[in-house]
Amino acid sequence: FVEKLETTEQAPDAMALFQRYADGLGFSFATCLKVPEVGEDLAAC
């Protein structure tokens, strides 16, 4: 997974790659976020 991720250049491809990996370990759902900057909406992060 890590090797394939390093060569991925599009966010949707990276997400799909991770979800396939997570599915294999029994996780159907995933969230990844960054800490909001001052004044930044959480949804945008």
ModelCIF file with pLDDT and N, C-alpha, C, O atoms, coordinates in Angstrom:
data_MODEL
#
_entry.id   MODEL 
#
_entity.id                         1 
_entity.type                       polymer 
_entity.pdbx_number_of_molecules   1 
#
_entity_poly.entity_id                      1 
_entity_poly.type                           'polypeptide(L)' 
_entity_poly.nstd_linkage                   no 
_entity_poly.nstd_monomer                   no 
_entity_poly.pdbx_seq_one_letter_code       FVEKLETTEQAPDAMALFQRYADGLGFSFATCLKVPEVGEDLAAC 
_entity_poly.pdbx_seq_one_letter_code_can   FVEKLETTEQAPDAMALFQRYADGLGFSFATCLKVPEVGEDLAAC 
_entity_poly.pdbx_strand_id                 A 
#
loop_
_entity_poly_seq.entity_id 
_entity_poly_seq.num 
_entity_poly_seq.mon_id 
_entity_poly_seq.hetero 
1 1  PHE n 
1 2  VAL n 
1 3  GLU n 
1 4  LYS n 
1 5  LEU n 
1 6  GLU n 
1 7  THR n 
1 8  THR n 
1 9  GLU n 
1 10 GLN n 
1 11 ALA n 
1 12 PRO n 
1 13 ASP n 
1 14 ALA n 
1 15 MET n 
1 16 ALA n 
1 17 LEU n 
1 18 PHE n 
1 19 GLN n 
1 20 ARG n 
1 21 TYR n 
1 22 ALA n 
1 23 ASP n 
1 24 GLY n 
1 25 LEU n 
1 26 GLY n 
1 27 PHE n 
1 28 SER n 
1 29 PHE n 
1 30 ALA n 
1 31 THR n 
1 32 CYS n 
1 33 LEU n 
1 34 LYS n 
1 35 VAL n 
1 36 PRO n 
1 37 GLU n 
1 38 VAL n 
1 39 GLY n 
1 40 GLU n 
1 41 ASP n 
1 42 LEU n 
1 43 ALA n 
1 44 ALA n 
1 45 CYS n 
#
_struct_asym.id          A 
_struct_asym.entity_id   1 
#
loop_
_ma_qa_metric.id 
_ma_qa_metric.mode 
_ma_qa_metric.name 
_ma_qa_metric.software_group_id 
_ma_qa_metric.type 
1 global pLDDT . pLDDT 
2 local  pLDDT . pLDDT 
#
_ma_qa_metric_global.metric_id      1 
_ma_qa_metric_global.metric_value   86.71 
_ma_qa_metric_global.model_id       1 
_ma_qa_metric_global.ordinal_id     1 
#
loop_
_ma_qa_metric_local.label_asym_id 
_ma_qa_metric_local.label_comp_id 
_ma_qa_metric_local.label_seq_id 
_ma_qa_metric_local.metric_id 
_ma_qa_metric_local.metric_value 
_ma_qa_metric_local.model_id 
_ma_qa_metric_local.ordinal_id 
A PHE 1  2 96.00 1 1  
A VAL 2  2 95.00 1 2  
A GLU 3  2 96.00 1 3  
A LYS 4  2 96.00 1 4  
A LEU 5  2 95.00 1 5  
A GLU 6  2 93.00 1 6  
A THR 7  2 94.00 1 7  
A THR 8  2 93.00 1 8  
A GLU 9  2 90.00 1 9  
A GLN 10 2 90.00 1 10 
A ALA 11 2 90.00 1 11 
A PRO 12 2 91.00 1 12 
A ASP 13 2 93.00 1 13 
A ALA 14 2 95.00 1 14 
A MET 15 2 95.00 1 15 
A ALA 16 2 95.00 1 16 
A LEU 17 2 96.00 1 17 
A PHE 18 2 96.00 1 18 
A GLN 19 2 95.00 1 19 
A ARG 20 2 96.00 1 20 
A TYR 21 2 96.00 1 21 
A ALA 22 2 95.00 1 22 
A ASP 23 2 94.00 1 23 
A GLY 24 2 92.00 1 24 
A LEU 25 2 92.00 1 25 
A GLY 26 2 91.00 1 26 
A PHE 27 2 93.00 1 27 
A SER 28 2 92.00 1 28 
A PHE 29 2 93.00 1 29 
A ALA 30 2 94.00 1 30 
A THR 31 2 93.00 1 31 
A CYS 32 2 94.00 1 32 
A LEU 33 2 90.00 1 33 
A LYS 34 2 84.00 1 34 
A VAL 35 2 78.00 1 35 
A PRO 36 2 70.00 1 36 
A GLU 37 2 62.00 1 37 
A VAL 38 2 55.00 1 38 
A GLY 39 2 57.00 1 39 
A GLU 40 2 60.00 1 40 
A ASP 41 2 64.00 1 41 
A LEU 42 2 66.00 1 42 
A ALA 43 2 68.00 1 43 
A ALA 44 2 69.00 1 44 
A CYS 45 2 80.00 1 45 
#
loop_
_atom_site.group_PDB 
_atom_site.id 
_atom_site.type_symbol 
_atom_site.label_atom_id 
_atom_site.label_alt_id 
_atom_site.label_comp_id 
_atom_site.label_asym_id 
_atom_site.label_entity_id 
_atom_site.label_seq_id 
_atom_site.pdbx_PDB_ins_code 
_atom_site.Cartn_x 
_atom_site.Cartn_y 
_atom_site.Cartn_z 
_atom_site.occupancy 
_atom_site.B_iso_or_equiv 
_atom_site.pdbx_formal_charge 
_atom_site.auth_seq_id 
_atom_site.auth_comp_id 
_atom_site.auth_asym_id 
_atom_site.auth_atom_id 
_atom_site.pdbx_PDB_model_num 
ATOM 1   N N  . PHE A 1 1  ? 0.829   -1.202 0.000  1.00 96.00 ? 1  PHE A N  1 
ATOM 2   C CA . PHE A 1 1  ? 0.000   0.000  0.000  1.00 96.00 ? 1  PHE A CA 1 
ATOM 3   C C  . PHE A 1 1  ? 0.871   1.263  0.000  1.00 96.00 ? 1  PHE A C  1 
ATOM 4   O O  . PHE A 1 1  ? 0.641   2.184  -0.784 1.00 96.00 ? 1  PHE A O  1 
ATOM 5   N N  . VAL A 1 2  ? 1.865   1.294  0.881  1.00 95.00 ? 2  VAL A N  1 
ATOM 6   C CA . VAL A 1 2  ? 2.736   2.463  0.981  1.00 95.00 ? 2  VAL A CA 1 
ATOM 7   C C  . VAL A 1 2  ? 3.480   2.697  -0.333 1.00 95.00 ? 2  VAL A C  1 
ATOM 8   O O  . VAL A 1 2  ? 3.593   3.837  -0.783 1.00 95.00 ? 2  VAL A O  1 
ATOM 9   N N  . GLU A 1 3  ? 3.984   1.641  -0.943 1.00 96.00 ? 3  GLU A N  1 
ATOM 10  C CA . GLU A 1 3  ? 4.711   1.775  -2.204 1.00 96.00 ? 3  GLU A CA 1 
ATOM 11  C C  . GLU A 1 3  ? 3.816   2.340  -3.307 1.00 96.00 ? 3  GLU A C  1 
ATOM 12  O O  . GLU A 1 3  ? 4.240   3.212  -4.065 1.00 96.00 ? 3  GLU A O  1 
ATOM 13  N N  . LYS A 1 4  ? 2.583   1.848  -3.397 1.00 96.00 ? 4  LYS A N  1 
ATOM 14  C CA . LYS A 1 4  ? 1.653   2.343  -4.412 1.00 96.00 ? 4  LYS A CA 1 
ATOM 15  C C  . LYS A 1 4  ? 1.245   3.784  -4.111 1.00 96.00 ? 4  LYS A C  1 
ATOM 16  O O  . LYS A 1 4  ? 1.103   4.599  -5.022 1.00 96.00 ? 4  LYS A O  1 
ATOM 17  N N  . LEU A 1 5  ? 1.058   4.092  -2.829 1.00 95.00 ? 5  LEU A N  1 
ATOM 18  C CA . LEU A 1 5  ? 0.640   5.441  -2.439 1.00 95.00 ? 5  LEU A CA 1 
ATOM 19  C C  . LEU A 1 5  ? 1.686   6.476  -2.825 1.00 95.00 ? 5  LEU A C  1 
ATOM 20  O O  . LEU A 1 5  ? 1.347   7.581  -3.249 1.00 95.00 ? 5  LEU A O  1 
ATOM 21  N N  . GLU A 1 6  ? 2.944   6.122  -2.680 1.00 93.00 ? 6  GLU A N  1 
ATOM 22  C CA . GLU A 1 6  ? 4.019   7.071  -2.971 1.00 93.00 ? 6  GLU A CA 1 
ATOM 23  C C  . GLU A 1 6  ? 4.044   7.495  -4.439 1.00 93.00 ? 6  GLU A C  1 
ATOM 24  O O  . GLU A 1 6  ? 4.539   8.576  -4.757 1.00 93.00 ? 6  GLU A O  1 
ATOM 25  N N  . THR A 1 7  ? 3.521   6.663  -5.331 1.00 94.00 ? 7  THR A N  1 
ATOM 26  C CA . THR A 1 7  ? 3.529   6.993  -6.757 1.00 94.00 ? 7  THR A CA 1 
ATOM 27  C C  . THR A 1 7  ? 2.184   7.547  -7.227 1.00 94.00 ? 7  THR A C  1 
ATOM 28  O O  . THR A 1 7  ? 2.007   7.833  -8.411 1.00 94.00 ? 7  THR A O  1 
ATOM 29  N N  . THR A 1 8  ? 1.245   7.698  -6.305 1.00 93.00 ? 8  THR A N  1 
ATOM 30  C CA . THR A 1 8  ? -0.088  8.211  -6.647 1.00 93.00 ? 8  THR A CA 1 
ATOM 31  C C  . THR A 1 8  ? -0.077  9.736  -6.672 1.00 93.00 ? 8  THR A C  1 
ATOM 32  O O  . THR A 1 8  ? 0.438   10.373 -5.753 1.00 93.00 ? 8  THR A O  1 
ATOM 33  N N  . GLU A 1 9  ? -0.645  10.317 -7.726 1.00 90.00 ? 9  GLU A N  1 
ATOM 34  C CA . GLU A 1 9  ? -0.612  11.766 -7.884 1.00 90.00 ? 9  GLU A CA 1 
ATOM 35  C C  . GLU A 1 9  ? -1.981  12.427 -7.828 1.00 90.00 ? 9  GLU A C  1 
ATOM 36  O O  . GLU A 1 9  ? -2.082  13.648 -7.941 1.00 90.00 ? 9  GLU A O  1 
ATOM 37  N N  . GLN A 1 10 ? -3.039  11.634 -7.656 1.00 90.00 ? 10 GLN A N  1 
ATOM 38  C CA . GLN A 1 10 ? -4.387  12.191 -7.574 1.00 90.00 ? 10 GLN A CA 1 
ATOM 39  C C  . GLN A 1 10 ? -5.034  11.775 -6.258 1.00 90.00 ? 10 GLN A C  1 
ATOM 40  O O  . GLN A 1 10 ? -4.960  10.610 -5.867 1.00 90.00 ? 10 GLN A O  1 
ATOM 41  N N  . ALA A 1 11 ? -5.672  12.731 -5.572 1.00 90.00 ? 11 ALA A N  1 
ATOM 42  C CA . ALA A 1 11 ? -6.285  12.444 -4.280 1.00 90.00 ? 11 ALA A CA 1 
ATOM 43  C C  . ALA A 1 11 ? -7.333  11.331 -4.341 1.00 90.00 ? 11 ALA A C  1 
ATOM 44  O O  . ALA A 1 11 ? -7.323  10.458 -3.473 1.00 90.00 ? 11 ALA A O  1 
ATOM 45  N N  . PRO A 1 12 ? -8.240  11.323 -5.331 1.00 91.00 ? 12 PRO A N  1 
ATOM 46  C CA . PRO A 1 12 ? -9.226  10.227 -5.372 1.00 91.00 ? 12 PRO A CA 1 
ATOM 47  C C  . PRO A 1 12 ? -8.573  8.856  -5.484 1.00 91.00 ? 12 PRO A C  1 
ATOM 48  O O  . PRO A 1 12 ? -9.065  7.884  -4.911 1.00 91.00 ? 12 PRO A O  1 
ATOM 49  N N  . ASP A 1 13 ? -7.463  8.773  -6.223 1.00 93.00 ? 13 ASP A N  1 
ATOM 50  C CA . ASP A 1 13 ? -6.760  7.498  -6.351 1.00 93.00 ? 13 ASP A CA 1 
ATOM 51  C C  . ASP A 1 13 ? -6.153  7.078  -5.019 1.00 93.00 ? 13 ASP A C  1 
ATOM 52  O O  . ASP A 1 13 ? -6.172  5.900  -4.663 1.00 93.00 ? 13 ASP A O  1 
ATOM 53  N N  . ALA A 1 14 ? -5.613  8.053  -4.282 1.00 95.00 ? 14 ALA A N  1 
ATOM 54  C CA . ALA A 1 14 ? -5.030  7.760  -2.968 1.00 95.00 ? 14 ALA A CA 1 
ATOM 55  C C  . ALA A 1 14 ? -6.101  7.292  -1.995 1.00 95.00 ? 14 ALA A C  1 
ATOM 56  O O  . ALA A 1 14 ? -5.877  6.365  -1.217 1.00 95.00 ? 14 ALA A O  1 
ATOM 57  N N  . MET A 1 15 ? -7.271  7.935  -2.039 1.00 95.00 ? 15 MET A N  1 
ATOM 58  C CA . MET A 1 15 ? -8.380  7.545  -1.168 1.00 95.00 ? 15 MET A CA 1 
ATOM 59  C C  . MET A 1 15 ? -8.857  6.133  -1.484 1.00 95.00 ? 15 MET A C  1 
ATOM 60  O O  . MET A 1 15 ? -9.071  5.320  -0.585 1.00 95.00 ? 15 MET A O  1 
ATOM 61  N N  . ALA A 1 16 ? -9.018  5.856  -2.767 1.00 95.00 ? 16 ALA A N  1 
ATOM 62  C CA . ALA A 1 16 ? -9.492  4.525  -3.179 1.00 95.00 ? 16 ALA A CA 1 
ATOM 63  C C  . ALA A 1 16 ? -8.483  3.452  -2.795 1.00 95.00 ? 16 ALA A C  1 
ATOM 64  O O  . ALA A 1 16 ? -8.857  2.360  -2.365 1.00 95.00 ? 16 ALA A O  1 
ATOM 65  N N  . LEU A 1 17 ? -7.212  3.767  -2.952 1.00 96.00 ? 17 LEU A N  1 
ATOM 66  C CA . LEU A 1 17 ? -6.153  2.831  -2.599 1.00 96.00 ? 17 LEU A CA 1 
ATOM 67  C C  . LEU A 1 17 ? -6.199  2.520  -1.103 1.00 96.00 ? 17 LEU A C  1 
ATOM 68  O O  . LEU A 1 17 ? -6.079  1.364  -0.698 1.00 96.00 ? 17 LEU A O  1 
ATOM 69  N N  . PHE A 1 18 ? -6.374  3.561  -0.290 1.00 96.00 ? 18 PHE A N  1 
ATOM 70  C CA . PHE A 1 18 ? -6.422  3.350  1.159  1.00 96.00 ? 18 PHE A CA 1 
ATOM 71  C C  . PHE A 1 18 ? -7.681  2.588  1.560  1.00 96.00 ? 18 PHE A C  1 
ATOM 72  O O  . PHE A 1 18 ? -7.630  1.730  2.442  1.00 96.00 ? 18 PHE A O  1 
ATOM 73  N N  . GLN A 1 19 ? -8.807  2.894  0.923  1.00 95.00 ? 19 GLN A N  1 
ATOM 74  C CA . GLN A 1 19 ? -10.035 2.213  1.306  1.00 95.00 ? 19 GLN A CA 1 
ATOM 75  C C  . GLN A 1 19 ? -9.970  0.724  0.996  1.00 95.00 ? 19 GLN A C  1 
ATOM 76  O O  . GLN A 1 19 ? -10.476 -0.093 1.765  1.00 95.00 ? 19 GLN A O  1 
ATOM 77  N N  . ARG A 1 20 ? -9.352  0.368  -0.124 1.00 96.00 ? 20 ARG A N  1 
ATOM 78  C CA . ARG A 1 20 ? -9.178  -1.056 -0.428 1.00 96.00 ? 20 ARG A CA 1 
ATOM 79  C C  . ARG A 1 20 ? -8.309  -1.724 0.623  1.00 96.00 ? 20 ARG A C  1 
ATOM 80  O O  . ARG A 1 20 ? -8.572  -2.852 1.040  1.00 96.00 ? 20 ARG A O  1 
ATOM 81  N N  . TYR A 1 21 ? -7.285  -1.023 1.039  1.00 96.00 ? 21 TYR A N  1 
ATOM 82  C CA . TYR A 1 21 ? -6.387  -1.543 2.079  1.00 96.00 ? 21 TYR A CA 1 
ATOM 83  C C  . TYR A 1 21 ? -7.161  -1.710 3.399  1.00 96.00 ? 21 TYR A C  1 
ATOM 84  O O  . TYR A 1 21 ? -7.072  -2.754 4.047  1.00 96.00 ? 21 TYR A O  1 
ATOM 85  N N  . ALA A 1 22 ? -7.916  -0.677 3.789  1.00 95.00 ? 22 ALA A N  1 
ATOM 86  C CA . ALA A 1 22 ? -8.663  -0.718 5.045  1.00 95.00 ? 22 ALA A CA 1 
ATOM 87  C C  . ALA A 1 22 ? -9.751  -1.787 5.006  1.00 95.00 ? 22 ALA A C  1 
ATOM 88  O O  . ALA A 1 22 ? -9.991  -2.468 6.003  1.00 95.00 ? 22 ALA A O  1 
ATOM 89  N N  . ASP A 1 23 ? -10.413 -1.935 3.853  1.00 94.00 ? 23 ASP A N  1 
ATOM 90  C CA . ASP A 1 23 ? -11.442 -2.974 3.714  1.00 94.00 ? 23 ASP A CA 1 
ATOM 91  C C  . ASP A 1 23 ? -10.869 -4.359 4.012  1.00 94.00 ? 23 ASP A C  1 
ATOM 92  O O  . ASP A 1 23 ? -11.526 -5.203 4.622  1.00 94.00 ? 23 ASP A O  1 
ATOM 93  N N  . GLY A 1 24 ? -9.640  -4.570 3.572  1.00 92.00 ? 24 GLY A N  1 
ATOM 94  C CA . GLY A 1 24 ? -9.006  -5.860 3.785  1.00 92.00 ? 24 GLY A CA 1 
ATOM 95  C C  . GLY A 1 24 ? -8.768  -6.172 5.249  1.00 92.00 ? 24 GLY A C  1 
ATOM 96  O O  . GLY A 1 24 ? -8.574  -7.328 5.624  1.00 92.00 ? 24 GLY A O  1 
ATOM 97  N N  . LEU A 1 25 ? -8.784  -5.130 6.081  1.00 92.00 ? 25 LEU A N  1 
ATOM 98  C CA . LEU A 1 25 ? -8.585  -5.316 7.520  1.00 92.00 ? 25 LEU A CA 1 
ATOM 99  C C  . LEU A 1 25 ? -9.898  -5.172 8.289  1.00 92.00 ? 25 LEU A C  1 
ATOM 100 O O  . LEU A 1 25 ? -9.904  -5.164 9.520  1.00 92.00 ? 25 LEU A O  1 
ATOM 101 N N  . GLY A 1 26 ? -11.008 -5.059 7.559  1.00 91.00 ? 26 GLY A N  1 
ATOM 102 C CA . GLY A 1 26 ? -12.312 -5.035 8.199  1.00 91.00 ? 26 GLY A CA 1 
ATOM 103 C C  . GLY A 1 26 ? -12.913 -3.669 8.450  1.00 91.00 ? 26 GLY A C  1 
ATOM 104 O O  . GLY A 1 26 ? -13.969 -3.567 9.074  1.00 91.00 ? 26 GLY A O  1 
ATOM 105 N N  . PHE A 1 27 ? -12.256 -2.607 7.974  1.00 93.00 ? 27 PHE A N  1 
ATOM 106 C CA . PHE A 1 27 ? -12.764 -1.255 8.202  1.00 93.00 ? 27 PHE A CA 1 
ATOM 107 C C  . PHE A 1 27 ? -13.480 -0.746 6.953  1.00 93.00 ? 27 PHE A C  1 
ATOM 108 O O  . PHE A 1 27 ? -12.873 -0.612 5.890  1.00 93.00 ? 27 PHE A O  1 
ATOM 109 N N  . SER A 1 28 ? -14.765 -0.468 7.091  1.00 92.00 ? 28 SER A N  1 
ATOM 110 C CA . SER A 1 28 ? -15.563 -0.015 5.956  1.00 92.00 ? 28 SER A CA 1 
ATOM 111 C C  . SER A 1 28 ? -15.555 1.495  5.792  1.00 92.00 ? 28 SER A C  1 
ATOM 112 O O  . SER A 1 28 ? -15.868 2.003  4.715  1.00 92.00 ? 28 SER A O  1 
ATOM 113 N N  . PHE A 1 29 ? -15.202 2.216  6.842  1.00 93.00 ? 29 PHE A N  1 
ATOM 114 C CA . PHE A 1 29 ? -15.298 3.674  6.813  1.00 93.00 ? 29 PHE A CA 1 
ATOM 115 C C  . PHE A 1 29 ? -14.000 4.315  7.292  1.00 93.00 ? 29 PHE A C  1 
ATOM 116 O O  . PHE A 1 29 ? -13.319 3.795  8.176  1.00 93.00 ? 29 PHE A O  1 
ATOM 117 N N  . ALA A 1 30 ? -13.672 5.456  6.689  1.00 94.00 ? 30 ALA A N  1 
ATOM 118 C CA . ALA A 1 30 ? -12.439 6.151  7.045  1.00 94.00 ? 30 ALA A CA 1 
ATOM 119 C C  . ALA A 1 30 ? -12.610 7.658  6.923  1.00 94.00 ? 30 ALA A C  1 
ATOM 120 O O  . ALA A 1 30 ? -13.312 8.152  6.040  1.00 94.00 ? 30 ALA A O  1 
ATOM 121 N N  . THR A 1 31 ? -11.957 8.373  7.823  1.00 93.00 ? 31 THR A N  1 
ATOM 122 C CA . THR A 1 31 ? -11.912 9.835  7.777  1.00 93.00 ? 31 THR A CA 1 
ATOM 123 C C  . THR A 1 31 ? -10.465 10.268 7.973  1.00 93.00 ? 31 THR A C  1 
ATOM 124 O O  . THR A 1 31 ? -9.749  9.732  8.820  1.00 93.00 ? 31 THR A O  1 
ATOM 125 N N  . CYS A 1 32 ? -10.051 11.240 7.180  1.00 94.00 ? 32 CYS A N  1 
ATOM 126 C CA . CYS A 1 32 ? -8.716  11.822 7.325  1.00 94.00 ? 32 CYS A CA 1 
ATOM 127 C C  . CYS A 1 32 ? -8.891  13.334 7.295  1.00 94.00 ? 32 CYS A C  1 
ATOM 128 O O  . CYS A 1 32 ? -9.517  13.866 6.379  1.00 94.00 ? 32 CYS A O  1 
ATOM 129 N N  . LEU A 1 33 ? -8.355  14.019 8.271  1.00 90.00 ? 33 LEU A N  1 
ATOM 130 C CA . LEU A 1 33 ? -8.505  15.481 8.300  1.00 90.00 ? 33 LEU A CA 1 
ATOM 131 C C  . LEU A 1 33 ? -7.280  16.141 8.892  1.00 90.00 ? 33 LEU A C  1 
ATOM 132 O O  . LEU A 1 33 ? -6.484  15.521 9.598  1.00 90.00 ? 33 LEU A O  1 
ATOM 133 N N  . LYS A 1 34 ? -7.155  17.415 8.582  1.00 84.00 ? 34 LYS A N  1 
ATOM 134 C CA . LYS A 1 34 ? -6.088  18.224 9.153  1.00 84.00 ? 34 LYS A CA 1 
ATOM 135 C C  . LYS A 1 34 ? -6.690  19.182 10.169 1.00 84.00 ? 34 LYS A C  1 
ATOM 136 O O  . LYS A 1 34 ? -7.880  19.491 10.104 1.00 84.00 ? 34 LYS A O  1 
ATOM 137 N N  . VAL A 1 35 ? -5.884  19.648 11.099 1.00 78.00 ? 35 VAL A N  1 
ATOM 138 C CA . VAL A 1 35 ? -6.364  20.591 12.107 1.00 78.00 ? 35 VAL A CA 1 
ATOM 139 C C  . VAL A 1 35 ? -6.707  21.908 11.418 1.00 78.00 ? 35 VAL A C  1 
ATOM 140 O O  . VAL A 1 35 ? -5.898  22.425 10.646 1.00 78.00 ? 35 VAL A O  1 
ATOM 141 N N  . PRO A 1 36 ? -7.893  22.462 11.683 1.00 70.00 ? 36 PRO A N  1 
ATOM 142 C CA . PRO A 1 36 ? -8.274  23.724 11.048 1.00 70.00 ? 36 PRO A CA 1 
ATOM 143 C C  . PRO A 1 36 ? -7.340  24.863 11.440 1.00 70.00 ? 36 PRO A C  1 
ATOM 144 O O  . PRO A 1 36 ? -6.883  24.948 12.580 1.00 70.00 ? 36 PRO A O  1 
ATOM 145 N N  . GLU A 1 37 ? -7.066  25.731 10.476 1.00 62.00 ? 37 GLU A N  1 
ATOM 146 C CA . GLU A 1 37 ? -6.342  26.949 10.767 1.00 62.00 ? 37 GLU A CA 1 
ATOM 147 C C  . GLU A 1 37 ? -7.315  27.947 11.375 1.00 62.00 ? 37 GLU A C  1 
ATOM 148 O O  . GLU A 1 37 ? -8.523  27.712 11.373 1.00 62.00 ? 37 GLU A O  1 
ATOM 149 N N  . VAL A 1 38 ? -6.802  29.059 11.897 1.00 55.00 ? 38 VAL A N  1 
ATOM 150 C CA . VAL A 1 38 ? -7.658  30.050 12.535 1.00 55.00 ? 38 VAL A CA 1 
ATOM 151 C C  . VAL A 1 38 ? -8.709  30.539 11.540 1.00 55.00 ? 38 VAL A C  1 
ATOM 152 O O  . VAL A 1 38 ? -8.379  30.997 10.446 1.00 55.00 ? 38 VAL A O  1 
ATOM 153 N N  . GLY A 1 39 ? -9.968  30.436 11.931 1.00 57.00 ? 39 GLY A N  1 
ATOM 154 C CA . GLY A 1 39 ? -11.055 30.896 11.085 1.00 57.00 ? 39 GLY A CA 1 
ATOM 155 C C  . GLY A 1 39 ? -11.472 29.915 10.010 1.00 57.00 ? 39 GLY A C  1 
ATOM 156 O O  . GLY A 1 39 ? -12.384 30.203 9.235  1.00 57.00 ? 39 GLY A O  1 
ATOM 157 N N  . GLU A 1 40 ? -10.821 28.758 9.944  1.00 60.00 ? 40 GLU A N  1 
ATOM 158 C CA . GLU A 1 40 ? -11.130 27.780 8.909  1.00 60.00 ? 40 GLU A CA 1 
ATOM 159 C C  . GLU A 1 40 ? -12.197 26.817 9.401  1.00 60.00 ? 40 GLU A C  1 
ATOM 160 O O  . GLU A 1 40 ? -12.133 26.325 10.527 1.00 60.00 ? 40 GLU A O  1 
ATOM 161 N N  . ASP A 1 41 ? -13.184 26.549 8.543  1.00 64.00 ? 41 ASP A N  1 
ATOM 162 C CA . ASP A 1 41 ? -14.274 25.643 8.897  1.00 64.00 ? 41 ASP A CA 1 
ATOM 163 C C  . ASP A 1 41 ? -13.777 24.203 8.933  1.00 64.00 ? 41 ASP A C  1 
ATOM 164 O O  . ASP A 1 41 ? -12.979 23.793 8.089  1.00 64.00 ? 41 ASP A O  1 
ATOM 165 N N  . LEU A 1 42 ? -14.251 23.439 9.912  1.00 66.00 ? 42 LEU A N  1 
ATOM 166 C CA . LEU A 1 42 ? -13.805 22.049 10.061 1.00 66.00 ? 42 LEU A CA 1 
ATOM 167 C C  . LEU A 1 42 ? -14.111 21.234 8.808  1.00 66.00 ? 42 LEU A C  1 
ATOM 168 O O  . LEU A 1 42 ? -13.300 20.410 8.388  1.00 66.00 ? 42 LEU A O  1 
ATOM 169 N N  . ALA A 1 43 ? -15.282 21.464 8.212  1.00 68.00 ? 43 ALA A N  1 
ATOM 170 C CA . ALA A 1 43 ? -15.667 20.691 7.030  1.00 68.00 ? 43 ALA A CA 1 
ATOM 171 C C  . ALA A 1 43 ? -14.668 20.882 5.893  1.00 68.00 ? 43 ALA A C  1 
ATOM 172 O O  . ALA A 1 43 ? -14.438 19.966 5.104  1.00 68.00 ? 43 ALA A O  1 
ATOM 173 N N  . ALA A 1 44 ? -14.080 22.067 5.810  1.00 69.00 ? 44 ALA A N  1 
ATOM 174 C CA . ALA A 1 44 ? -13.128 22.340 4.743  1.00 69.00 ? 44 ALA A CA 1 
ATOM 175 C C  . ALA A 1 44 ? -11.793 21.643 4.971  1.00 69.00 ? 44 ALA A C  1 
ATOM 176 O O  . ALA A 1 44 ? -10.944 21.611 4.081  1.00 69.00 ? 44 ALA A O  1 
ATOM 177 N N  . CYS A 1 45 ? -11.612 21.087 6.163  1.00 80.00 ? 45 CYS A N  1 
ATOM 178 C CA . CYS A 1 45 ? -10.343 20.434 6.497  1.00 80.00 ? 45 CYS A CA 1 
ATOM 179 C C  . CYS A 1 45 ? -10.390 18.932 6.275  1.00 80.00 ? 45 CYS A C  1 
ATOM 180 O O  . CYS A 1 45 ? -9.398  18.242 6.512  1.00 80.00 ? 45 CYS A O  1 
#
